[in-house]
Every structure is written in C-alpha cells, then in structure tokens.
C-alpha cells in the first residue's frame, strides 16, 4: 500500500506533467486518507480544475479556504471554478477576498471585476 506522501508526490508529478486525470486518481486516494491536509486538497483542486471538473475543483478549494481563510490562491481558484460553472454571484465573494489579501495581483482584480459584471 502506498503511503499518503507517495500518493501526493505521484499525483503532484502527474499534475505537473499535465496528466490531470491520473493526478486526480492519486490525489483523491491521498485525500481519502488525509482529508485535513490542505496541500493535498489544493493539488487535487488544481487537477480537477485543469480536467474541467469545476464542481469538484470548487469543493476542494472551498475546503482549503475554510481551513485557511487567508489562502488567497485557494480563494481565487474557488472563485474561478464558480465562474466557470456560471455561478458568478457566488464567485464574487472569494474573488473579492483574494483581491483584498493580494491587492498587487492584477489577475485577481480582472476576474473579480468580471464576476461583478456578470452577476
């Protein structure tokens, strides 16, 4: 049986190599065994996002943001996932929070403004 660390490393390597679906398998197994690990959930969220599984991505990024409310990246990715699901009104809050946490990030502001306009 692979350790959680091995699953995370393999999933992360697959994610970086662009094999998002295989990454999801390894990272989901790691998450099942360590559901409180933000690093695992963020990587799984990224893999789901790139595989266009936006509902799953939103759930993973929401879990990270809930545990670490100052994680600007998780908030931004949650907002982007919600936008891509057409849930612009819901995307406004996490995108606005991400902008407040990292006001120098132009990309955060662009997507926040798009969510506002679409809502």
PDB file of N, CA and C in Angstrom:
ATOM      1  N   UNK A   1       0.848  -1.179   0.000  1.00  0.00           N
ATOM      2  CA  UNK A   1       0.000   0.000   0.000  1.00  0.00           C
ATOM      3  C   UNK A   1       0.898   1.248   0.000  1.00  0.00           C
ATOM      4  N   UNK A   2       0.582   2.175  -0.890  1.00  0.00           N
ATOM      5  CA  UNK A   2       1.360   3.413  -0.975  1.00  0.00           C
ATOM      6  C   UNK A   2       1.055   4.322   0.213  1.00  0.00           C
ATOM      7  N   UNK A   3       2.065   5.031   0.666  1.00  0.00           N
ATOM      8  CA  UNK A   3       1.858   5.989   1.741  1.00  0.00           C
ATOM      9  C   UNK A   3       1.151   7.217   1.175  1.00  0.00           C
ATOM     10  N   UNK A   4       0.577   8.011   2.063  1.00  0.00           N
ATOM     11  CA  UNK A   4      -0.071   9.253   1.655  1.00  0.00           C
ATOM     12  C   UNK A   4       0.943  10.157   0.964  1.00  0.00           C
ATOM     13  N   UNK A   5       2.142  10.197   1.510  1.00  0.00           N
ATOM     14  CA  UNK A   5       3.197  11.017   0.915  1.00  0.00           C
ATOM     15  C   UNK A   5       3.514  10.565  -0.510  1.00  0.00           C
ATOM     16  N   UNK A   6       3.620   9.253  -0.718  1.00  0.00           N
ATOM     17  CA  UNK A   6       3.898   8.726  -2.060  1.00  0.00           C
ATOM     18  C   UNK A   6       2.767   9.063  -3.024  1.00  0.00           C
ATOM     19  N   UNK A   7       1.537   8.928  -2.564  1.00  0.00           N
ATOM     20  CA  UNK A   7       0.387   9.275  -3.413  1.00  0.00           C
ATOM     21  C   UNK A   7       0.412  10.755  -3.776  1.00  0.00           C
ATOM     22  N   UNK A   8       0.713  11.593  -2.777  1.00  0.00           N
ATOM     23  CA  UNK A   8       0.771  13.031  -3.023  1.00  0.00           C
ATOM     24  C   UNK A   8       1.882  13.366  -4.017  1.00  0.00           C
ATOM     25  N   UNK A   9       3.058  12.789  -3.827  1.00  0.00           N
ATOM     26  CA  UNK A   9       4.178  13.051  -4.737  1.00  0.00           C
ATOM     27  C   UNK A   9       3.869  12.579  -6.152  1.00  0.00           C
ATOM     28  N   UNK A  10       3.299  11.388  -6.275  1.00  0.00           N
ATOM     29  CA  UNK A  10       2.960  10.874  -7.601  1.00  0.00           C
ATOM     30  C   UNK A  10       1.889  11.737  -8.248  1.00  0.00           C
ATOM     31  N   UNK A  11       0.858  12.087  -7.469  1.00  0.00           N
ATOM     32  CA  UNK A  11      -0.202  12.941  -8.004  1.00  0.00           C
ATOM     33  C   UNK A  11       0.314  14.305  -8.415  1.00  0.00           C
ATOM     34  N   UNK A  12       1.193  14.880  -7.622  1.00  0.00           N
ATOM     35  CA  UNK A  12       1.774  16.189  -7.945  1.00  0.00           C
ATOM     36  C   UNK A  12       2.619  16.121  -9.204  1.00  0.00           C
ATOM     37  N   UNK A  13       3.385  15.051  -9.356  1.00  0.00           N
ATOM     38  CA  UNK A  13       4.207  14.882 -10.555  1.00  0.00           C
ATOM     39  C   UNK A  13       3.329  14.724 -11.798  1.00  0.00           C
ATOM     40  N   UNK A  14       2.263  13.962 -11.669  1.00  0.00           N
ATOM     41  CA  UNK A  14       1.330  13.797 -12.789  1.00  0.00           C
ATOM     42  C   UNK A  14       0.650  15.126 -13.131  1.00  0.00           C
ATOM     43  N   UNK A  15       0.302  15.883 -12.117  1.00  0.00           N
ATOM     44  CA  UNK A  15      -0.306  17.200 -12.332  1.00  0.00           C
ATOM     45  C   UNK A  15       0.651  18.099 -13.101  1.00  0.00           C
ATOM     46  N   UNK A  16       1.898  18.158 -12.669  1.00  0.00           N
ATOM     47  CA  UNK A  16       2.900  18.995 -13.332  1.00  0.00           C
ATOM     48  C   UNK A  16       3.179  18.521 -14.757  1.00  0.00           C
ATOM     49  N   UNK A  17       3.041  17.220 -14.999  1.00  0.00           N
ATOM     50  CA  UNK A  17       3.263  16.668 -16.338  1.00  0.00           C
ATOM     51  C   UNK A  17       2.050  16.863 -17.253  1.00  0.00           C
ATOM     52  N   UNK A  18       0.957  17.363 -16.677  1.00  0.00           N
ATOM     53  CA  UNK A  18      -0.247  17.608 -17.477  1.00  0.00           C
ATOM     54  C   UNK A  18      -1.189  16.423 -17.572  1.00  0.00           C
ATOM     55  N   UNK A  19      -0.929  15.367 -16.829  1.00  0.00           N
ATOM     56  CA  UNK A  19      -1.815  14.195 -16.823  1.00  0.00           C
ATOM     57  C   UNK A  19      -2.824  14.376 -15.688  1.00  0.00           C
ATOM     58  N   UNK A  20      -3.759  15.259 -15.916  1.00  0.00           N
ATOM     59  CA  UNK A  20      -4.681  15.689 -14.861  1.00  0.00           C
ATOM     60  C   UNK A  20      -5.600  14.584 -14.366  1.00  0.00           C
ATOM     61  N   UNK A  21      -6.075  13.745 -15.259  1.00  0.00           N
ATOM     62  CA  UNK A  21      -6.990  12.681 -14.843  1.00  0.00           C
ATOM     63  C   UNK A  21      -6.277  11.649 -13.966  1.00  0.00           C
ATOM     64  N   UNK A  22      -5.061  11.291 -14.329  1.00  0.00           N
ATOM     65  CA  UNK A  22      -4.294  10.358 -13.490  1.00  0.00           C
ATOM     66  C   UNK A  22      -3.939  11.007 -12.157  1.00  0.00           C
ATOM     67  N   UNK A  23      -3.649  12.302 -12.193  1.00  0.00           N
ATOM     68  CA  UNK A  23      -3.343  13.019 -10.950  1.00  0.00           C
ATOM     69  C   UNK A  23      -4.532  12.988 -10.008  1.00  0.00           C
ATOM     70  N   UNK A  24      -5.728  13.133 -10.557  1.00  0.00           N
ATOM     71  CA  UNK A  24      -6.942  13.111  -9.732  1.00  0.00           C
ATOM     72  C   UNK A  24      -7.047  11.788  -8.979  1.00  0.00           C
ATOM     73  N   UNK A  25      -6.752  10.702  -9.656  1.00  0.00           N
ATOM     74  CA  UNK A  25      -6.863   9.377  -9.027  1.00  0.00           C
ATOM     75  C   UNK A  25      -5.926   9.283  -7.819  1.00  0.00           C
ATOM     76  N   UNK A  26      -4.663   9.623  -8.014  1.00  0.00           N
ATOM     77  CA  UNK A  26      -3.683   9.514  -6.919  1.00  0.00           C
ATOM     78  C   UNK A  26      -4.007  10.496  -5.794  1.00  0.00           C
ATOM     79  N   UNK A  27      -4.329  11.729  -6.159  1.00  0.00           N
ATOM     80  CA  UNK A  27      -4.586  12.750  -5.136  1.00  0.00           C
ATOM     81  C   UNK A  27      -5.894  12.489  -4.389  1.00  0.00           C
ATOM     82  N   UNK A  28      -6.895  11.943  -5.054  1.00  0.00           N
ATOM     83  CA  UNK A  28      -8.152  11.606  -4.368  1.00  0.00           C
ATOM     84  C   UNK A  28      -7.912  10.492  -3.349  1.00  0.00           C
ATOM     85  N   UNK A  29      -7.051   9.552  -3.690  1.00  0.00           N
ATOM     86  CA  UNK A  29      -6.716   8.491  -2.729  1.00  0.00           C
ATOM     87  C   UNK A  29      -5.988   9.071  -1.526  1.00  0.00           C
ATOM     88  N   UNK A  30      -5.090  10.017  -1.777  1.00  0.00           N
ATOM     89  CA  UNK A  30      -4.383  10.673  -0.666  1.00  0.00           C
ATOM     90  C   UNK A  30      -5.364  11.458   0.199  1.00  0.00           C
ATOM     91  N   UNK A  31      -6.300  12.160  -0.433  1.00  0.00           N
ATOM     92  CA  UNK A  31      -7.287  12.952   0.313  1.00  0.00           C
ATOM     93  C   UNK A  31      -8.187  12.069   1.174  1.00  0.00           C
ATOM     94  N   UNK A  32      -8.548  10.908   0.664  1.00  0.00           N
ATOM     95  CA  UNK A  32      -9.384   9.987   1.445  1.00  0.00           C
ATOM     96  C   UNK A  32      -8.700   9.602   2.756  1.00  0.00           C
ATOM     97  N   UNK A  33      -7.403   9.491   2.719  1.00  0.00           N
ATOM     98  CA  UNK A  33      -6.656   9.079   3.914  1.00  0.00           C
ATOM     99  C   UNK A  33      -6.249  10.247   4.789  1.00  0.00           C
ATOM    100  N   UNK A  34      -6.120  11.448   4.211  1.00  0.00           N
ATOM    101  CA  UNK A  34      -5.721  12.646   4.970  1.00  0.00           C
ATOM    102  C   UNK A  34      -6.594  13.838   4.538  1.00  0.00           C
ATOM    103  N   UNK A  35      -7.882  13.819   4.881  1.00  0.00           N
ATOM    104  CA  UNK A  35      -8.793  14.866   4.389  1.00  0.00           C
ATOM    105  C   UNK A  35      -8.517  16.262   4.940  1.00  0.00           C
ATOM    106  N   UNK A  36      -7.723  16.375   5.981  1.00  0.00           N
ATOM    107  CA  UNK A  36      -7.432  17.689   6.567  1.00  0.00           C
ATOM    108  C   UNK A  36      -6.196  18.355   5.965  1.00  0.00           C
ATOM    109  N   UNK A  37      -5.474  17.669   5.100  1.00  0.00           N
ATOM    110  CA  UNK A  37      -4.242  18.208   4.520  1.00  0.00           C
ATOM    111  C   UNK A  37      -4.568  19.169   3.377  1.00  0.00           C
ATOM    112  N   UNK A  38      -4.314  20.449   3.626  1.00  0.00           N
ATOM    113  CA  UNK A  38      -4.609  21.482   2.632  1.00  0.00           C
ATOM    114  C   UNK A  38      -3.773  21.301   1.370  1.00  0.00           C
ATOM    115  N   UNK A  39      -2.532  20.865   1.518  1.00  0.00           N
ATOM    116  CA  UNK A  39      -1.676  20.703   0.338  1.00  0.00           C
ATOM    117  C   UNK A  39      -2.228  19.650  -0.620  1.00  0.00           C
ATOM    118  N   UNK A  40      -2.759  18.573  -0.072  1.00  0.00           N
ATOM    119  CA  UNK A  40      -3.354  17.524  -0.896  1.00  0.00           C
ATOM    120  C   UNK A  40      -4.602  18.058  -1.579  1.00  0.00           C
ATOM    121  N   UNK A  41      -5.449  18.745  -0.821  1.00  0.00           N
ATOM    122  CA  UNK A  41      -6.712  19.242  -1.372  1.00  0.00           C
ATOM    123  C   UNK A  41      -6.479  20.322  -2.423  1.00  0.00           C
ATOM    124  N   UNK A  42      -5.467  21.160  -2.211  1.00  0.00           N
ATOM    125  CA  UNK A  42      -5.172  22.184  -3.220  1.00  0.00           C
ATOM    126  C   UNK A  42      -4.690  21.540  -4.518  1.00  0.00           C
ATOM    127  N   UNK A  43      -3.792  20.572  -4.405  1.00  0.00           N
ATOM    128  CA  UNK A  43      -3.308  19.885  -5.604  1.00  0.00           C
ATOM    129  C   UNK A  43      -4.452  19.163  -6.313  1.00  0.00           C
ATOM    130  N   UNK A  44      -5.325  18.529  -5.550  1.00  0.00           N
ATOM    131  CA  UNK A  44      -6.479  17.857  -6.143  1.00  0.00           C
ATOM    132  C   UNK A  44      -7.397  18.873  -6.812  1.00  0.00           C
ATOM    133  N   UNK A  45      -7.604  20.008  -6.179  1.00  0.00           N
ATOM    134  CA  UNK A  45      -8.409  21.065  -6.787  1.00  0.00           C
ATOM    135  C   UNK A  45      -7.819  21.539  -8.100  1.00  0.00           C
ATOM    136  N   UNK A  46      -6.507  21.700  -8.132  1.00  0.00           N
ATOM    137  CA  UNK A  46      -5.834  22.118  -9.368  1.00  0.00           C
ATOM    138  C   UNK A  46      -6.007  21.081 -10.462  1.00  0.00           C
ATOM    139  N   UNK A  47      -5.861  19.816 -10.107  1.00  0.00           N
ATOM    140  CA  UNK A  47      -6.029  18.747 -11.102  1.00  0.00           C
ATOM    141  C   UNK A  47      -7.464  18.725 -11.632  1.00  0.00           C
ATOM    142  N   UNK A  48      -8.428  18.854 -10.742  1.00  0.00           N
ATOM    143  CA  UNK A  48      -9.834  18.879 -11.167  1.00  0.00           C
ATOM    144  C   UNK A  48     -10.115  20.083 -12.053  1.00  0.00           C
ATOM    145  N   UNK A  49      -9.570  21.231 -11.679  1.00  0.00           N
ATOM    146  CA  UNK A  49      -9.771  22.448 -12.468  1.00  0.00           C
ATOM    147  C   UNK A  49      -9.237  22.246 -13.883  1.00  0.00           C
ATOM    148  N   UNK A  50      -8.024  21.738 -14.003  1.00  0.00           N
ATOM    149  CA  UNK A  50      -7.426  21.540 -15.326  1.00  0.00           C
ATOM    150  C   UNK A  50      -8.138  20.452 -16.131  1.00  0.00           C
ATOM    151  N   UNK A  51      -8.794  19.524 -15.437  1.00  0.00           N
ATOM    152  CA  UNK A  51      -9.567  18.481 -16.111  1.00  0.00           C
ATOM    153  C   UNK A  51     -10.995  18.946 -16.401  1.00  0.00           C
ATOM    154  N   UNK A  52     -11.265  20.209 -16.136  1.00  0.00           N
ATOM    155  CA  UNK A  52     -12.571  20.834 -16.341  1.00  0.00           C
ATOM    156  C   UNK A  52     -13.675  20.197 -15.495  1.00  0.00           C
ATOM    157  N   UNK A  53     -13.299  19.732 -14.331  1.00  0.00           N
ATOM    158  CA  UNK A  53     -14.253  19.215 -13.343  1.00  0.00           C
ATOM    159  C   UNK A  53     -14.438  20.321 -12.299  1.00  0.00           C
ATOM    160  N   UNK A  54     -15.117  21.372 -12.709  1.00  0.00           N
ATOM    161  CA  UNK A  54     -15.174  22.589 -11.917  1.00  0.00           C
ATOM    162  C   UNK A  54     -15.955  22.440 -10.613  1.00  0.00           C
ATOM    163  N   UNK A  55     -16.956  21.599 -10.602  1.00  0.00           N
ATOM    164  CA  UNK A  55     -17.708  21.366  -9.362  1.00  0.00           C
ATOM    165  C   UNK A  55     -16.804  20.732  -8.310  1.00  0.00           C
ATOM    166  N   UNK A  56     -16.047  19.725  -8.723  1.00  0.00           N
ATOM    167  CA  UNK A  56     -15.118  19.072  -7.803  1.00  0.00           C
ATOM    168  C   UNK A  56     -14.009  20.035  -7.381  1.00  0.00           C
ATOM    169  N   UNK A  57     -13.513  20.807  -8.329  1.00  0.00           N
ATOM    170  CA  UNK A  57     -12.464  21.780  -8.016  1.00  0.00           C
ATOM    171  C   UNK A  57     -12.964  22.777  -6.980  1.00  0.00           C
ATOM    172  N   UNK A  58     -14.181  23.273  -7.177  1.00  0.00           N
ATOM    173  CA  UNK A  58     -14.753  24.241  -6.229  1.00  0.00           C
ATOM    174  C   UNK A  58     -14.849  23.633  -4.835  1.00  0.00           C
ATOM    175  N   UNK A  59     -15.249  22.377  -4.749  1.00  0.00           N
ATOM    176  CA  UNK A  59     -15.368  21.719  -3.439  1.00  0.00           C
ATOM    177  C   UNK A  59     -14.009  21.616  -2.753  1.00  0.00           C
ATOM    178  N   UNK A  60     -12.977  21.276  -3.507  1.00  0.00           N
ATOM    179  CA  UNK A  60     -11.642  21.149  -2.915  1.00  0.00           C
ATOM    180  C   UNK A  60     -11.107  22.512  -2.475  1.00  0.00           C
ATOM    181  N   UNK A  61     -11.250  23.524  -3.322  1.00  0.00           N
ATOM    182  CA  UNK A  61     -10.747  24.853  -2.955  1.00  0.00           C
ATOM    183  C   UNK A  61     -11.556  25.447  -1.799  1.00  0.00           C
ATOM    184  N   UNK A  62     -12.847  25.157  -1.741  1.00  0.00           N
ATOM    185  CA  UNK A  62     -13.665  25.631  -0.615  1.00  0.00           C
ATOM    186  C   UNK A  62     -13.189  24.998   0.691  1.00  0.00           C
ATOM    187  N   UNK A  63     -12.830  23.723   0.649  1.00  0.00           N
ATOM    188  CA  UNK A  63     -12.325  23.042   1.847  1.00  0.00           C
ATOM    189  C   UNK A  63     -11.018  23.675   2.313  1.00  0.00           C
ATOM    190  N   UNK A  64     -10.145  24.020   1.375  1.00  0.00           N
ATOM    191  CA  UNK A  64      -8.874  24.665   1.743  1.00  0.00           C
ATOM    192  C   UNK A  64      -9.156  26.040   2.330  1.00  0.00           C
ATOM    193  N   UNK A  65     -10.004  26.816   1.673  1.00  0.00           N
ATOM    194  CA  UNK A  65     -10.311  28.177   2.135  1.00  0.00           C
ATOM    195  C   UNK A  65     -11.001  28.160   3.496  1.00  0.00           C
ATOM    196  N   UNK A  66     -11.793  27.143   3.750  1.00  0.00           N
ATOM    197  CA  UNK A  66     -12.466  27.037   5.050  1.00  0.00           C
ATOM    198  C   UNK A  66     -11.452  26.812   6.168  1.00  0.00           C
ATOM    199  N   UNK A  67     -10.460  25.987   5.899  1.00  0.00           N
ATOM    200  CA  UNK A  67      -9.442  25.686   6.911  1.00  0.00           C
ATOM    201  C   UNK A  67      -8.400  26.802   7.036  1.00  0.00           C
ATOM    202  N   UNK A  68      -8.144  27.481   5.917  1.00  0.00           N
ATOM    203  CA  UNK A  68      -7.140  28.545   5.879  1.00  0.00           C
ATOM    204  C   UNK A  68      -7.750  29.752   5.168  1.00  0.00           C
ATOM    205  N   UNK A  69      -8.528  30.552   5.878  1.00  0.00           N
ATOM    206  CA  UNK A  69      -9.270  31.644   5.231  1.00  0.00           C
ATOM    207  C   UNK A  69      -8.398  32.748   4.650  1.00  0.00           C
ATOM    208  N   UNK A  70      -7.104  32.729   4.914  1.00  0.00           N
ATOM    209  CA  UNK A  70      -6.210  33.734   4.330  1.00  0.00           C
ATOM    210  C   UNK A  70      -5.412  33.177   3.145  1.00  0.00           C
ATOM    211  N   UNK A  71      -5.804  32.030   2.641  1.00  0.00           N
ATOM    212  CA  UNK A  71      -5.141  31.433   1.483  1.00  0.00           C
ATOM    213  C   UNK A  71      -5.710  32.071   0.220  1.00  0.00           C
ATOM    214  N   UNK A  72      -5.022  33.101  -0.258  1.00  0.00           N
ATOM    215  CA  UNK A  72      -5.533  33.852  -1.412  1.00  0.00           C
ATOM    216  C   UNK A  72      -5.653  32.979  -2.650  1.00  0.00           C
ATOM    217  N   UNK A  73      -4.725  32.057  -2.852  1.00  0.00           N
ATOM    218  CA  UNK A  73      -4.776  31.206  -4.036  1.00  0.00           C
ATOM    219  C   UNK A  73      -6.013  30.308  -4.014  1.00  0.00           C
ATOM    220  N   UNK A  74      -6.312  29.704  -2.875  1.00  0.00           N
ATOM    221  CA  UNK A  74      -7.495  28.848  -2.769  1.00  0.00           C
ATOM    222  C   UNK A  74      -8.768  29.660  -3.016  1.00  0.00           C
ATOM    223  N   UNK A  75      -8.823  30.865  -2.458  1.00  0.00           N
ATOM    224  CA  UNK A  75      -9.992  31.722  -2.678  1.00  0.00           C
ATOM    225  C   UNK A  75     -10.126  32.099  -4.147  1.00  0.00           C
ATOM    226  N   UNK A  76      -9.023  32.449  -4.776  1.00  0.00           N
ATOM    227  CA  UNK A  76      -9.047  32.803  -6.190  1.00  0.00           C
ATOM    228  C   UNK A  76      -9.520  31.620  -7.032  1.00  0.00           C
ATOM    229  N   UNK A  77      -8.963  30.447  -6.779  1.00  0.00           N
ATOM    230  CA  UNK A  77      -9.334  29.263  -7.556  1.00  0.00           C
ATOM    231  C   UNK A  77     -10.775  28.842  -7.295  1.00  0.00           C
ATOM    232  N   UNK A  78     -11.244  29.022  -6.071  1.00  0.00           N
ATOM    233  CA  UNK A  78     -12.657  28.767  -5.776  1.00  0.00           C
ATOM    234  C   UNK A  78     -13.522  29.698  -6.616  1.00  0.00           C
ATOM    235  N   UNK A  79     -13.182  30.983  -6.623  1.00  0.00           N
ATOM    236  CA  UNK A  79     -13.940  31.945  -7.415  1.00  0.00           C
ATOM    237  C   UNK A  79     -13.928  31.622  -8.897  1.00  0.00           C
ATOM    238  N   UNK A  80     -12.772  31.260  -9.424  1.00  0.00           N
ATOM    239  CA  UNK A  80     -12.670  30.914 -10.846  1.00  0.00           C
ATOM    240  C   UNK A  80     -13.496  29.670 -11.169  1.00  0.00           C
ATOM    241  N   UNK A  81     -13.462  28.682 -10.284  1.00  0.00           N
ATOM    242  CA  UNK A  81     -14.258  27.472 -10.518  1.00  0.00           C
ATOM    243  C   UNK A  81     -15.737  27.811 -10.560  1.00  0.00           C
ATOM    244  N   UNK A  82     -16.170  28.643  -9.636  1.00  0.00           N
ATOM    245  CA  UNK A  82     -17.581  29.049  -9.612  1.00  0.00           C
ATOM    246  C   UNK A  82     -17.941  29.845 -10.864  1.00  0.00           C
ATOM    247  N   UNK A  83     -17.046  30.706 -11.315  1.00  0.00           N
ATOM    248  CA  UNK A  83     -17.300  31.454 -12.547  1.00  0.00           C
ATOM    249  C   UNK A  83     -17.500  30.507 -13.723  1.00  0.00           C
ATOM    250  N   UNK A  84     -16.641  29.520 -13.829  1.00  0.00           N
ATOM    251  CA  UNK A  84     -16.723  28.600 -14.956  1.00  0.00           C
ATOM    252  C   UNK A  84     -17.946  27.690 -14.882  1.00  0.00           C
ATOM    253  N   UNK A  85     -18.553  27.627 -13.714  1.00  0.00           N
ATOM    254  CA  UNK A  85     -19.829  26.922 -13.558  1.00  0.00           C
ATOM    255  C   UNK A  85     -21.009  27.845 -13.831  1.00  0.00           C
ATOM    256  N   UNK A  86     -20.717  29.113 -14.122  1.00  0.00           N
ATOM    257  CA  UNK A  86     -21.777  30.096 -14.370  1.00  0.00           C
ATOM    258  C   UNK A  86     -22.365  30.674 -13.105  1.00  0.00           C
ATOM    259  N   UNK A  87     -21.721  30.449 -11.980  1.00  0.00           N
ATOM    260  CA  UNK A  87     -22.219  30.910 -10.681  1.00  0.00           C
ATOM    261  C   UNK A  87     -21.489  32.191 -10.279  1.00  0.00           C
ATOM    262  N   UNK A  88     -21.674  33.229 -11.096  1.00  0.00           N
ATOM    263  CA  UNK A  88     -20.934  34.480 -10.948  1.00  0.00           C
ATOM    264  C   UNK A  88     -21.217  35.199  -9.630  1.00  0.00           C
ATOM    265  N   UNK A  89     -22.457  35.188  -9.191  1.00  0.00           N
ATOM    266  CA  UNK A  89     -22.785  35.866  -7.933  1.00  0.00           C
ATOM    267  C   UNK A  89     -22.042  35.216  -6.767  1.00  0.00           C
ATOM    268  N   UNK A  90     -21.966  33.891  -6.761  1.00  0.00           N
ATOM    269  CA  UNK A  90     -21.239  33.179  -5.703  1.00  0.00           C
ATOM    270  C   UNK A  90     -19.736  33.397  -5.808  1.00  0.00           C
ATOM    271  N   UNK A  91     -19.247  33.615  -7.014  1.00  0.00           N
ATOM    272  CA  UNK A  91     -17.806  33.799  -7.233  1.00  0.00           C
ATOM    273  C   UNK A  91     -17.312  35.146  -6.719  1.00  0.00           C
ATOM    274  N   UNK A  92     -18.208  36.092  -6.590  1.00  0.00           N
ATOM    275  CA  UNK A  92     -17.795  37.443  -6.208  1.00  0.00           C
ATOM    276  C   UNK A  92     -17.070  37.481  -4.864  1.00  0.00           C
ATOM    277  N   UNK A  93     -17.605  36.818  -3.858  1.00  0.00           N
ATOM    278  CA  UNK A  93     -17.021  36.899  -2.513  1.00  0.00           C
ATOM    279  C   UNK A  93     -15.598  36.327  -2.444  1.00  0.00           C
ATOM    280  N   UNK A  94     -15.367  35.076  -2.880  1.00  0.00           N
ATOM    281  CA  UNK A  94     -13.990  34.583  -2.779  1.00  0.00           C
ATOM    282  C   UNK A  94     -13.007  35.383  -3.640  1.00  0.00           C
ATOM    283  N   UNK A  95     -13.456  35.864  -4.785  1.00  0.00           N
ATOM    284  CA  UNK A  95     -12.561  36.669  -5.619  1.00  0.00           C
ATOM    285  C   UNK A  95     -12.252  38.010  -4.959  1.00  0.00           C
ATOM    286  N   UNK A  96     -13.256  38.609  -4.336  1.00  0.00           N
ATOM    287  CA  UNK A  96     -13.020  39.879  -3.633  1.00  0.00           C
ATOM    288  C   UNK A  96     -12.074  39.678  -2.452  1.00  0.00           C
ATOM    289  N   UNK A  97     -12.240  38.588  -1.724  1.00  0.00           N
ATOM    290  CA  UNK A  97     -11.335  38.301  -0.606  1.00  0.00           C
ATOM    291  C   UNK A  97      -9.910  38.076  -1.091  1.00  0.00           C
ATOM    292  N   UNK A  98      -9.761  37.345  -2.182  1.00  0.00           N
ATOM    293  CA  UNK A  98      -8.423  37.123  -2.739  1.00  0.00           C
ATOM    294  C   UNK A  98      -7.769  38.452  -3.106  1.00  0.00           C
ATOM    295  N   UNK A  99      -8.560  39.353  -3.677  1.00  0.00           N
ATOM    296  CA  UNK A  99      -8.034  40.684  -4.040  1.00  0.00           C
ATOM    297  C   UNK A  99      -7.611  41.478  -2.809  1.00  0.00           C
ATOM    298  N   UNK A 100      -8.375  41.374  -1.758  1.00  0.00           N
ATOM    299  CA  UNK A 100      -8.023  42.085  -0.519  1.00  0.00           C
ATOM    300  C   UNK A 100      -6.729  41.541   0.080  1.00  0.00           C
ATOM    301  N   UNK A 101      -6.543  40.235  -0.014  1.00  0.00           N
ATOM    302  CA  UNK A 101      -5.348  39.610   0.541  1.00  0.00           C
ATOM    303  C   UNK A 101      -4.106  39.882  -0.304  1.00  0.00           C
ATOM    304  N   UNK A 102      -4.288  40.011  -1.597  1.00  0.00           N
ATOM    305  CA  UNK A 102      -3.154  40.237  -2.507  1.00  0.00           C
ATOM    306  C   UNK A 102      -3.520  41.330  -3.519  1.00  0.00           C
ATOM    307  N   UNK A 103      -3.614  42.578  -3.064  1.00  0.00           N
ATOM    308  CA  UNK A 103      -4.056  43.658  -3.950  1.00  0.00           C
ATOM    309  C   UNK A 103      -3.124  43.914  -5.135  1.00  0.00           C
ATOM    310  N   UNK A 104      -1.902  43.440  -5.065  1.00  0.00           N
ATOM    311  CA  UNK A 104      -0.971  43.648  -6.173  1.00  0.00           C
ATOM    312  C   UNK A 104      -1.213  42.701  -7.352  1.00  0.00           C
ATOM    313  N   UNK A 105      -2.058  41.692  -7.155  1.00  0.00           N
ATOM    314  CA  UNK A 105      -2.313  40.705  -8.205  1.00  0.00           C
ATOM    315  C   UNK A 105      -3.365  41.224  -9.187  1.00  0.00           C
ATOM    316  N   UNK A 106      -2.896  41.649 -10.338  1.00  0.00           N
ATOM    317  CA  UNK A 106      -3.793  42.187 -11.362  1.00  0.00           C
ATOM    318  C   UNK A 106      -4.790  41.122 -11.839  1.00  0.00           C
ATOM    319  N   UNK A 107      -4.338  39.883 -12.002  1.00  0.00           N
ATOM    320  CA  UNK A 107      -5.229  38.826 -12.469  1.00  0.00           C
ATOM    321  C   UNK A 107      -6.390  38.606 -11.504  1.00  0.00           C
ATOM    322  N   UNK A 108      -6.148  38.726 -10.215  1.00  0.00           N
ATOM    323  CA  UNK A 108      -7.224  38.597  -9.236  1.00  0.00           C
ATOM    324  C   UNK A 108      -8.271  39.686  -9.467  1.00  0.00           C
ATOM    325  N   UNK A 109      -7.806  40.913  -9.690  1.00  0.00           N
ATOM    326  CA  UNK A 109      -8.725  42.034  -9.894  1.00  0.00           C
ATOM    327  C   UNK A 109      -9.525  41.872 -11.177  1.00  0.00           C
ATOM    328  N   UNK A 110      -8.883  41.387 -12.228  1.00  0.00           N
ATOM    329  CA  UNK A 110      -9.574  41.200 -13.509  1.00  0.00           C
ATOM    330  C   UNK A 110     -10.742  40.227 -13.346  1.00  0.00           C
ATOM    331  N   UNK A 111     -10.501  39.098 -12.724  1.00  0.00           N
ATOM    332  CA  UNK A 111     -11.566  38.104 -12.577  1.00  0.00           C
ATOM    333  C   UNK A 111     -12.618  38.544 -11.563  1.00  0.00           C
ATOM    334  N   UNK A 112     -12.214  39.270 -10.525  1.00  0.00           N
ATOM    335  CA  UNK A 112     -13.184  39.832  -9.585  1.00  0.00           C
ATOM    336  C   UNK A 112     -14.132  40.776 -10.328  1.00  0.00           C
ATOM    337  N   UNK A 113     -13.586  41.628 -11.150  1.00  0.00           N
ATOM    338  CA  UNK A 113     -14.400  42.578 -11.901  1.00  0.00           C
ATOM    339  C   UNK A 113     -15.309  41.889 -12.904  1.00  0.00           C
ATOM    340  N   UNK A 114     -14.827  40.819 -13.517  1.00  0.00           N
ATOM    341  CA  UNK A 114     -15.672  40.047 -14.436  1.00  0.00           C
ATOM    342  C   UNK A 114     -16.838  39.397 -13.706  1.00  0.00           C
ATOM    343  N   UNK A 115     -16.580  38.894 -12.504  1.00  0.00           N
ATOM    344  CA  UNK A 115     -17.657  38.278 -11.722  1.00  0.00           C
ATOM    345  C   UNK A 115     -18.699  39.326 -11.338  1.00  0.00           C
ATOM    346  N   UNK A 116     -18.240  40.495 -10.945  1.00  0.00           N
ATOM    347  CA  UNK A 116     -19.166  41.571 -10.606  1.00  0.00           C
ATOM    348  C   UNK A 116     -20.043  41.929 -11.789  1.00  0.00           C
ATOM    349  N   UNK A 117     -19.427  42.069 -12.958  1.00  0.00           N
ATOM    350  CA  UNK A 117     -20.167  42.467 -14.156  1.00  0.00           C
ATOM    351  C   UNK A 117     -21.166  41.384 -14.587  1.00  0.00           C
ATOM    352  N   UNK A 118     -20.765  40.114 -14.463  1.00  0.00           N
ATOM    353  CA  UNK A 118     -21.635  39.026 -14.887  1.00  0.00           C
ATOM    354  C   UNK A 118     -22.754  38.740 -13.901  1.00  0.00           C
ATOM    355  N   UNK A 119     -22.534  39.085 -12.624  1.00  0.00           N
ATOM    356  CA  UNK A 119     -23.561  38.845 -11.602  1.00  0.00           C
ATOM    357  C   UNK A 119     -24.629  39.888 -11.779  1.00  0.00           C
TER     358      UNK A 119
END
